[in-house]
């Protein structure tokens, strides 16, 4: 049986794993995130447990920053090489929210973080029907 590791990652580890560029929050390389979530629907971010998690999204507008602040997200990562607007960078900086961009797709980004031990926001994963596959 494979033991699935569940650990927290620092912002600098996430930056390295995702080969990401930091647009805001360069002064916070040691903050830790306890889980990850991925969504383009900001309304979903307001209905689940998102405090202290990293948000991966393909949505690139200031609403992402506003929602992340309300949802108490620890960091936002834009996928597919999307570049934040100046307003997004300004808002993220003003709220102390790290904002990064990775060249990877959302699927690949989630897989890379999962392979490093970061898990999703599920409170309790359903029991596997087959032996765990590691990620």
Foldseek 3Di string as FASTA:
>chain_A
DDDAFADKDFQLVLCVLQVKDWLAQPVGRGQIARAEDEDQDLVVLVPAQAARYEYEYQDADLVVLVSCLVSNHQEYEHELQDDHDPVNSVSCNVSSHIYIYGNHHPVVSNVSVSLVRHHHRDPDDDDDPDPDPRD
